[in-house]
């Protein structure tokens, strides 16, 4: 585990008031440092994580520290306790403590898990698979998707503030939010106004009870709610939409980075068959699998159908988002790929045209209501084209029919 390396605590007050929360857990070897000692301490001990308590006067050193840690590999978490200014670099806030730091160990353990995952991916990288991992994308926020729950007057401002940086999926009710949680992967949840404290409390309790969501960043704007839930990345945020986004985005970035690492590890394990950006097959692997599936179906009998999901005027981020939704929802025997033109082709094994139509309709409906698009609150209903395997078909001919049907529809 990454927590075998020491944790550096930087604070003007020695010892820092939050040190006891980590000392009592007896899990983390700690090294205390003042701000004057911070840069030397980090260079000397190579920490697994750094926790800081900074004032405005400490910001020049804080910014230098964040820059230095941001260049290190594997990932070194930087957690700011009760920050008073905009955080530099990849620093993560741990705010609204009121002198209580009982959740700090959970926040740190979650961050160290991301560090361990990064170290694992780095250990597995070779000259052959380094291009498959997509770890070179500058900012994980480019891949991130946040669910915004709310129906009050502040919802449009929050949607714009987050939509400028990440993909946004809107939910006007807790019930709609639950459907999104079960149908797609998210990198954070923002709970806006429009709900009673009882409803918000029940929602957070359900999240805390489900192991899938305990480490998901959850930002709550409702006042008078005590953060006493088993959620490692829960934050209470106040202020305008920009302030809420400033609190949420560092946590969202860390989760998106973790998701990217998980996809990269799967791509490495698949020996190049999976695309780390989408979770679907690479195009070369898809073409090989389709050729094999066509040959075996024609030799042994049975059904095989292919469907093409095409979208109009959506950016590459939304294309990858749709592909990841499909990779999560497809049956295990089916396979697909994101094509160069931004469409997604999925092959349904043992499915005639009628069965394929039913499956495609269900998948299309889920994508329409859950993927994010180029405009706020836009619905992105894919154009669906189906083709079923004929006795004379080859892999190329069944794909050609999918594109011929599209061309014919456009011409008409």
Protein backbone atom coordinates (compact mmCIF):
# COMPACT_ATOMS: atom_id res chain seq x y z
CA UNK A 1 0.00 0.00 0.00
CA UNK A 2 1.10 3.56 -0.67
CA UNK A 3 0.54 4.56 2.94
CA UNK A 4 3.84 2.87 3.93
CA UNK A 5 5.55 6.11 2.91
CA UNK A 6 5.22 9.01 5.37
CA UNK A 7 2.52 11.65 5.33
CA UNK A 8 3.88 15.20 5.50
CA UNK A 9 1.77 17.69 7.46
CA UNK A 10 2.47 21.37 6.77
CA UNK A 11 1.07 23.97 9.13
CA UNK A 12 2.13 27.18 10.86
CA UNK A 13 0.81 25.68 14.09
CA UNK A 14 2.92 22.83 15.48
CA UNK A 15 1.60 20.27 15.85
CA UNK A 16 -1.25 20.88 13.44
CA UNK A 17 -4.69 20.57 15.07
CA UNK A 18 -5.72 17.83 12.64
CA UNK A 19 -2.67 15.65 13.32
CA UNK A 20 -4.42 13.89 16.18
CA UNK A 21 -7.12 12.56 13.83
CA UNK A 22 -4.42 10.68 11.90
CA UNK A 23 -2.31 9.74 14.92
CA UNK A 24 -5.28 8.07 16.62
CA UNK A 25 -5.89 5.90 13.55
CA UNK A 26 -2.35 4.49 13.93
CA UNK A 27 -2.18 3.98 10.16
CA UNK A 28 -0.02 6.79 8.83
CA UNK A 29 3.59 7.65 9.73
CA UNK A 30 3.54 11.43 10.09
CA UNK A 31 6.18 14.13 9.57
CA UNK A 32 5.36 17.67 10.74
CA UNK A 33 6.80 20.69 8.94
CA UNK A 34 6.33 24.44 9.02
CA UNK A 35 5.76 26.35 5.79
CA UNK A 36 9.39 27.37 5.81
CA UNK A 37 10.38 23.69 5.89
CA UNK A 38 7.70 22.37 3.52
CA UNK A 39 9.61 22.17 0.23
CA UNK A 40 12.71 20.67 1.83
CA UNK A 41 10.62 18.11 3.75
CA UNK A 42 8.85 16.93 0.60
CA UNK A 43 12.15 16.63 -1.29
CA UNK A 44 13.78 14.74 1.58
CA UNK A 45 11.18 12.08 2.49
CA UNK A 46 9.28 11.47 -0.81
CA UNK A 47 5.85 11.41 0.90
CA UNK A 48 2.82 9.35 -0.05
CA UNK A 49 0.61 12.38 0.61
CA UNK A 50 0.81 15.94 1.91
CA UNK A 51 -1.76 17.65 4.14
CA UNK A 52 -1.62 21.40 4.61
CA UNK A 53 -3.28 24.18 6.56
CA UNK A 54 -2.58 27.39 4.66
CA UNK A 55 -3.41 31.06 5.07
CA UNK A 56 -3.24 33.72 2.37
CA UNK A 57 0.33 34.51 3.42
CA UNK A 58 1.35 30.90 2.75
CA UNK A 59 0.06 30.85 -0.84
CA UNK A 60 3.38 31.45 -2.65
CA UNK A 61 4.92 28.41 -0.94
CA UNK A 62 1.64 26.48 -1.32
CA UNK A 63 1.66 27.10 -5.08
CA UNK A 64 5.29 26.00 -5.37
CA UNK A 65 4.51 22.89 -3.33
CA UNK A 66 1.49 22.04 -5.50
CA UNK A 67 3.56 22.45 -8.68
CA UNK A 68 6.28 20.18 -7.34
CA UNK A 69 3.86 17.46 -6.21
CA UNK A 70 1.90 17.69 -9.46
CA UNK A 71 5.02 16.69 -11.38
CA UNK A 72 5.65 13.58 -9.29
CA UNK A 73 4.69 10.06 -10.31
CA UNK A 74 2.92 8.14 -8.98
CA UNK A 75 0.23 10.58 -7.89
CA UNK A 76 0.87 12.33 -4.56
CA UNK A 77 -2.39 13.60 -2.98
CA UNK A 78 -2.36 17.16 -1.65
CA UNK A 79 -5.18 17.88 0.80
CA UNK A 80 -5.91 21.40 2.05
CA UNK A 81 -7.64 21.63 5.43
CA UNK A 82 -10.28 24.38 5.61
CA UNK A 83 -8.91 26.34 2.64
CA UNK A 84 -9.42 30.10 2.69
CA UNK A 85 -8.47 30.86 -0.93
CA UNK A 86 -8.67 29.25 -4.35
CA UNK A 87 -6.57 26.10 -4.30
CA UNK A 88 -3.57 25.70 -6.60
CA UNK A 89 -2.78 22.72 -8.79
CA UNK A 90 -4.44 19.43 -7.93
CA UNK A 91 -5.00 20.29 -4.24
CA UNK A 92 -8.14 18.76 -2.73
CA UNK A 93 -10.26 20.65 -0.18
CA UNK A 94 -11.28 19.25 3.17
CA UNK A 95 -13.58 21.99 4.44
CA UNK A 96 -16.32 22.87 6.91
CA UNK A 97 -14.66 20.90 9.71
CA UNK A 98 -15.48 23.24 12.62
CA UNK A 99 -12.58 21.67 14.44
CA UNK A 100 -13.77 18.09 13.82
CA UNK A 101 -11.50 15.92 11.68
CA UNK A 102 -13.08 12.47 12.09
CA UNK A 103 -13.61 12.15 8.29
CA UNK A 104 -10.02 13.02 7.42
CA UNK A 105 -8.70 9.46 7.62
CA UNK A 106 -11.34 8.27 5.14
CA UNK A 107 -10.50 11.13 2.76
CA UNK A 108 -6.80 10.31 2.97
CA UNK A 109 -7.31 6.55 2.52
CA UNK A 110 -9.35 7.20 -0.61
CA UNK A 111 -6.65 9.45 -2.05
CA UNK A 112 -3.96 6.89 -1.24
CA UNK A 113 -5.96 4.22 -3.03
CA UNK A 114 -5.77 6.35 -6.18
CA UNK A 115 -2.02 6.64 -5.67
CA UNK A 116 -1.71 2.87 -5.35
CA UNK A 117 -3.73 2.36 -8.53
CA UNK A 118 -1.48 4.81 -10.38
CA UNK A 119 1.61 2.98 -9.14
CA UNK A 120 0.11 -0.31 -10.34
CA UNK A 121 -0.55 1.06 -13.82
CA UNK A 122 2.97 2.51 -14.02
CA UNK A 123 4.43 -0.84 -13.01
CA UNK A 124 2.46 -2.62 -15.74
CA UNK A 125 3.33 -0.17 -18.52
CA UNK A 126 5.59 -1.36 -21.31
CA UNK A 127 6.77 0.18 -24.56
CA UNK A 128 4.00 -1.74 -26.34
CA UNK A 129 1.04 -0.81 -24.16
CA UNK A 130 1.92 2.77 -23.19
CA UNK A 131 -0.12 4.11 -26.12
CA UNK A 132 -3.18 2.09 -25.09
CA UNK A 133 -3.64 3.67 -21.68
CA UNK A 134 -4.55 7.27 -22.67
CA UNK A 135 -2.77 8.58 -19.59
CA UNK A 136 -1.21 11.44 -21.55
CA UNK A 137 -4.46 13.48 -21.81
CA UNK A 138 -3.60 16.74 -20.05
CA UNK A 139 -6.47 17.06 -17.55
CA UNK A 140 -8.75 14.27 -16.27
CA UNK A 141 -11.57 16.84 -16.12
CA UNK A 142 -11.75 16.50 -19.92
CA UNK A 143 -13.24 13.03 -19.34
CA UNK A 144 -15.29 13.83 -16.23
CA UNK A 145 -19.07 13.74 -15.90
CA UNK A 146 -20.95 15.28 -12.98
CA UNK A 147 -24.59 14.74 -12.07
CA UNK A 148 -26.35 17.92 -10.98
CA UNK A 149 -29.46 17.34 -8.88
CA UNK A 150 -31.73 20.31 -8.28
CA UNK A 151 -34.80 22.25 -9.32
CA UNK A 152 -34.39 25.63 -7.67
CA UNK A 153 -33.45 29.05 -8.97
CA UNK A 154 -29.74 28.27 -8.60
CA UNK A 155 -29.81 25.24 -10.90
CA UNK A 156 -29.09 27.12 -14.18
CA UNK A 157 -26.08 28.90 -12.68
CA UNK A 158 -24.67 25.64 -11.32
CA UNK A 159 -25.23 23.97 -14.68
CA UNK A 160 -23.29 26.70 -16.48
CA UNK A 161 -20.47 26.78 -13.89
CA UNK A 162 -19.90 23.03 -14.16
CA UNK A 163 -20.72 22.74 -17.86
CA UNK A 164 -17.77 25.00 -18.70
CA UNK A 165 -15.35 22.40 -17.29
CA UNK A 166 -17.01 18.96 -17.29
CA UNK A 167 -19.89 17.03 -18.79
CA UNK A 168 -23.12 17.61 -16.88
CA UNK A 169 -26.04 15.23 -16.47
CA UNK A 170 -29.10 16.87 -14.96
CA UNK A 171 -31.64 15.31 -12.60
CA UNK A 172 -34.68 17.25 -11.39
CA UNK A 173 -35.60 14.64 -8.80
CA UNK A 174 -33.96 12.11 -6.52
CA UNK A 175 -35.73 9.35 -8.45
CA UNK A 176 -34.16 10.51 -11.71
CA UNK A 177 -30.78 10.71 -9.98
CA UNK A 178 -31.11 7.09 -8.83
CA UNK A 179 -31.69 5.98 -12.44
CA UNK A 180 -28.54 7.77 -13.59
CA UNK A 181 -26.52 6.18 -10.80
CA UNK A 182 -27.60 2.73 -11.91
CA UNK A 183 -27.10 3.24 -15.64
CA UNK A 184 -23.85 5.17 -16.01
CA UNK A 185 -20.52 6.01 -14.39
CA UNK A 186 -20.19 9.41 -12.74
CA UNK A 187 -17.26 11.37 -11.35
CA UNK A 188 -19.24 13.45 -8.90
CA UNK A 189 -22.66 14.49 -7.63
CA UNK A 190 -23.77 18.03 -6.82
CA UNK A 191 -26.96 18.34 -4.77
CA UNK A 192 -28.46 21.77 -5.31
CA UNK A 193 -31.48 23.43 -3.77
CA UNK A 194 -35.10 22.40 -4.08
CA UNK A 195 -35.14 19.47 -1.63
CA UNK A 196 -35.94 19.23 2.05
CA UNK A 197 -33.23 18.26 4.54
CA UNK A 198 -35.06 14.99 5.12
CA UNK A 199 -34.89 14.09 1.42
CA UNK A 200 -31.20 15.03 1.17
CA UNK A 201 -30.43 13.07 4.33
CA UNK A 202 -32.17 9.98 2.94
CA UNK A 203 -30.28 10.28 -0.37
CA UNK A 204 -26.89 10.60 1.32
CA UNK A 205 -27.70 7.68 3.61
CA UNK A 206 -28.47 5.47 0.59
CA UNK A 207 -25.20 6.51 -1.08
CA UNK A 208 -23.23 5.72 2.06
CA UNK A 209 -24.81 2.27 2.33
CA UNK A 210 -23.81 1.28 -1.23
CA UNK A 211 -20.14 0.38 -1.67
CA UNK A 212 -20.26 1.60 -5.30
CA UNK A 213 -20.78 5.21 -4.22
CA UNK A 214 -18.96 5.61 -0.90
CA UNK A 215 -15.91 7.18 -2.55
CA UNK A 216 -17.82 9.28 -5.07
CA UNK A 217 -17.39 13.06 -4.64
CA UNK A 218 -20.67 14.44 -3.31
CA UNK A 219 -21.11 18.21 -2.94
CA UNK A 220 -24.16 19.41 -1.00
CA UNK A 221 -25.28 23.04 -1.06
CA UNK A 222 -28.09 22.65 1.49
CA UNK A 223 -27.35 24.52 4.72
CA UNK A 224 -27.69 23.08 8.24
CA UNK A 225 -26.72 19.56 7.24
CA UNK A 226 -24.06 17.81 9.32
CA UNK A 227 -21.54 15.81 7.24
CA UNK A 228 -21.85 12.70 9.41
CA UNK A 229 -22.10 10.14 6.61
CA UNK A 230 -19.69 7.37 5.61
CA UNK A 231 -18.80 9.19 2.40
CA UNK A 232 -15.08 9.80 2.00
CA UNK A 233 -15.45 12.69 -0.45
CA UNK A 234 -18.50 14.50 0.91
CA UNK A 235 -18.26 18.29 1.07
CA UNK A 236 -20.73 20.94 2.16
CA UNK A 237 -20.38 23.97 -0.12
CA UNK A 238 -21.84 27.45 0.23
CA UNK A 239 -21.62 30.61 -1.83
CA UNK A 240 -22.39 31.19 -5.48
CA UNK A 241 -22.12 28.65 -8.30
CA UNK A 242 -18.46 29.46 -8.95
CA UNK A 243 -17.61 28.77 -5.29
CA UNK A 244 -19.44 25.44 -5.38
CA UNK A 245 -17.58 24.46 -8.56
CA UNK A 246 -14.25 25.46 -7.02
CA UNK A 247 -14.95 23.10 -4.10
CA UNK A 248 -16.14 20.23 -6.27
CA UNK A 249 -13.80 20.18 -9.27
CA UNK A 250 -10.59 19.08 -7.47
CA UNK A 251 -12.44 16.07 -6.05
CA UNK A 252 -14.06 15.38 -9.43
CA UNK A 253 -10.63 15.56 -11.10
CA UNK A 254 -9.23 12.96 -8.69
CA UNK A 255 -12.15 10.60 -9.30
CA UNK A 256 -11.90 11.03 -13.08
CA UNK A 257 -8.20 10.25 -12.82
CA UNK A 258 -9.02 7.10 -10.85
CA UNK A 259 -11.56 6.07 -13.49
CA UNK A 260 -8.99 6.68 -16.23
CA UNK A 261 -6.47 4.51 -14.38
CA UNK A 262 -9.03 1.71 -13.98
CA UNK A 263 -9.76 1.77 -17.73
CA UNK A 264 -6.04 1.83 -18.47
CA UNK A 265 -5.47 -1.22 -16.29
CA UNK A 266 -8.25 -3.10 -18.07
CA UNK A 267 -6.76 -2.13 -21.43
CA UNK A 268 -3.36 -3.45 -20.31
CA UNK A 269 -4.90 -6.69 -19.02
CA UNK A 270 -6.72 -7.17 -22.33
CA UNK A 271 -3.38 -6.94 -24.19
CA UNK A 272 -4.64 -4.24 -26.49
CA UNK A 273 -8.16 -5.53 -27.15
CA UNK A 274 -9.94 -2.81 -25.14
CA UNK A 275 -9.84 0.91 -25.81
CA UNK A 276 -8.94 2.71 -22.57
CA UNK A 277 -10.98 5.75 -23.64
CA UNK A 278 -14.26 3.91 -24.13
CA UNK A 279 -14.20 0.48 -22.50
CA UNK A 280 -15.23 -0.99 -25.88
CA UNK A 281 -13.01 -2.98 -28.23
CA UNK A 282 -10.36 -1.22 -30.26
CA UNK A 283 -11.28 -0.98 -33.93
CA UNK A 284 -8.74 -3.62 -34.95
CA UNK A 285 -9.95 -6.05 -32.28
CA UNK A 286 -13.58 -5.39 -33.25
CA UNK A 287 -12.91 -6.19 -36.90
CA UNK A 288 -11.20 -9.46 -35.94
CA UNK A 289 -14.02 -10.45 -33.58
CA UNK A 290 -16.68 -9.60 -36.14
CA UNK A 291 -14.99 -11.69 -38.83
CA UNK A 292 -14.79 -14.63 -36.43
CA UNK A 293 -18.41 -14.20 -35.29
CA UNK A 294 -19.68 -14.10 -38.89
CA UNK A 295 -17.73 -17.23 -39.83
CA UNK A 296 -18.85 -19.19 -36.75
CA UNK A 297 -22.50 -18.14 -37.07
CA UNK A 298 -22.65 -19.18 -40.71
CA UNK A 299 -20.90 -22.48 -39.97
CA UNK A 300 -22.96 -23.43 -36.90
CA UNK A 301 -26.22 -21.64 -37.53
CA UNK A 302 -27.96 -19.11 -35.31
CA UNK A 303 -28.46 -15.38 -35.50
CA UNK A 304 -26.21 -12.34 -35.57
CA UNK A 305 -27.19 -8.68 -35.87
CA UNK A 306 -25.33 -5.39 -35.85
CA UNK A 307 -26.54 -1.94 -34.85
CA UNK A 308 -25.04 1.48 -35.51
CA UNK A 309 -25.72 4.35 -33.12
CA UNK A 310 -24.95 7.71 -34.72
CA UNK A 311 -25.19 11.18 -33.15
CA UNK A 312 -25.46 14.60 -34.72
CA UNK A 313 -23.06 17.39 -33.86
CA UNK A 314 -21.67 16.11 -30.59
CA UNK A 315 -18.05 16.61 -29.48
CA UNK A 316 -15.53 13.84 -28.94
CA UNK A 317 -16.10 13.95 -25.16
CA UNK A 318 -19.78 13.12 -25.64
CA UNK A 319 -18.91 10.35 -28.10
CA UNK A 320 -16.68 8.71 -25.48
CA UNK A 321 -19.40 9.24 -22.89
CA UNK A 322 -21.94 7.37 -25.03
CA UNK A 323 -19.44 4.56 -25.65
CA UNK A 324 -18.83 4.13 -21.92
CA UNK A 325 -22.56 3.98 -21.25
CA UNK A 326 -22.88 1.22 -23.84
CA UNK A 327 -19.87 -0.67 -22.49
CA UNK A 328 -21.58 -0.74 -19.10
CA UNK A 329 -24.99 -1.83 -20.41
CA UNK A 330 -24.14 -4.37 -23.14
CA UNK A 331 -24.63 -8.08 -22.61
CA UNK A 332 -21.44 -10.05 -22.00
CA UNK A 333 -21.75 -11.89 -25.31
CA UNK A 334 -22.03 -8.66 -27.34
CA UNK A 335 -19.14 -6.46 -28.48
CA UNK A 336 -18.74 -3.03 -30.03
CA UNK A 337 -16.39 -0.20 -30.94
CA UNK A 338 -16.33 3.57 -31.35
CA UNK A 339 -15.71 4.28 -35.02
CA UNK A 340 -13.65 7.05 -36.57
CA UNK A 341 -16.78 8.98 -37.60
CA UNK A 342 -18.02 9.10 -33.98
CA UNK A 343 -20.69 6.44 -34.39
CA UNK A 344 -20.79 3.28 -32.29
CA UNK A 345 -21.30 -0.17 -33.81
CA UNK A 346 -22.41 -3.02 -31.56
CA UNK A 347 -22.79 -6.66 -32.60
CA UNK A 348 -25.50 -8.71 -30.89
CA UNK A 349 -24.72 -12.41 -30.76
CA UNK A 350 -27.55 -14.93 -31.17
CA UNK A 351 -30.02 -12.18 -32.04
CA UNK A 352 -32.38 -11.97 -35.01
CA UNK A 353 -33.60 -8.63 -36.34
CA UNK A 354 -36.59 -8.47 -33.99
CA UNK A 355 -34.51 -9.22 -30.88
CA UNK A 356 -31.80 -6.80 -31.99
CA UNK A 357 -34.40 -4.08 -32.48
CA UNK A 358 -35.66 -4.53 -28.91
CA UNK A 359 -32.15 -4.44 -27.45
CA UNK A 360 -31.15 -1.43 -29.54
CA UNK A 361 -34.30 0.45 -28.54
CA UNK A 362 -33.54 -0.08 -24.84
CA UNK A 363 -29.90 1.00 -25.21
CA UNK A 364 -30.90 4.02 -27.28
CA UNK A 365 -33.40 5.12 -24.64
CA UNK A 366 -30.82 4.90 -21.87
CA UNK A 367 -28.28 6.92 -23.85
CA UNK A 368 -30.86 9.54 -24.75
CA UNK A 369 -31.66 10.21 -21.12
CA UNK A 370 -28.26 9.76 -19.49
CA UNK A 371 -25.46 10.98 -21.76
CA UNK A 372 -24.36 14.61 -21.67
CA UNK A 373 -24.33 16.68 -24.81
CA UNK A 374 -23.05 19.92 -26.28
CA UNK A 375 -25.87 21.99 -24.81
CA UNK A 376 -27.20 22.15 -21.29
CA UNK A 377 -30.20 19.85 -20.74
CA UNK A 378 -30.04 18.64 -24.36
CA UNK A 379 -31.40 15.21 -25.17
CA UNK A 380 -29.17 13.23 -27.51
CA UNK A 381 -31.26 10.59 -29.20
CA UNK A 382 -29.06 8.45 -31.44
CA UNK A 383 -30.00 7.51 -34.99
CA UNK A 384 -30.21 3.72 -34.99
CA UNK A 385 -29.49 1.54 -38.02
CA UNK A 386 -29.86 -2.26 -37.89
CA UNK A 387 -28.58 -5.08 -40.08
CA UNK A 388 -28.92 -8.83 -39.61
CA UNK A 389 -26.57 -11.48 -40.97
CA UNK A 390 -27.51 -12.95 -44.36
CA UNK A 391 -26.20 -16.28 -45.73
CA UNK A 392 -23.99 -14.48 -48.25
CA UNK A 393 -22.64 -11.88 -45.81
CA UNK A 394 -19.07 -11.18 -44.80
CA UNK A 395 -17.93 -8.95 -41.97
CA UNK A 396 -17.34 -6.12 -44.46
CA UNK A 397 -20.71 -6.49 -46.17
CA UNK A 398 -22.79 -6.36 -42.97
CA UNK A 399 -20.94 -3.20 -41.91
CA UNK A 400 -21.38 -1.74 -45.39
CA UNK A 401 -25.15 -2.21 -45.16
CA UNK A 402 -25.23 -0.24 -41.92
CA UNK A 403 -23.56 2.68 -43.64
CA UNK A 404 -25.59 2.31 -46.85
CA UNK A 405 -28.82 2.65 -44.88
CA UNK A 406 -27.48 5.81 -43.28
CA UNK A 407 -26.48 7.28 -46.65
CA UNK A 408 -29.88 6.39 -48.12
CA UNK A 409 -31.68 8.09 -45.21
CA UNK A 410 -29.58 11.23 -45.58
CA UNK A 411 -30.22 11.37 -49.35
CA UNK A 412 -33.96 11.07 -48.87
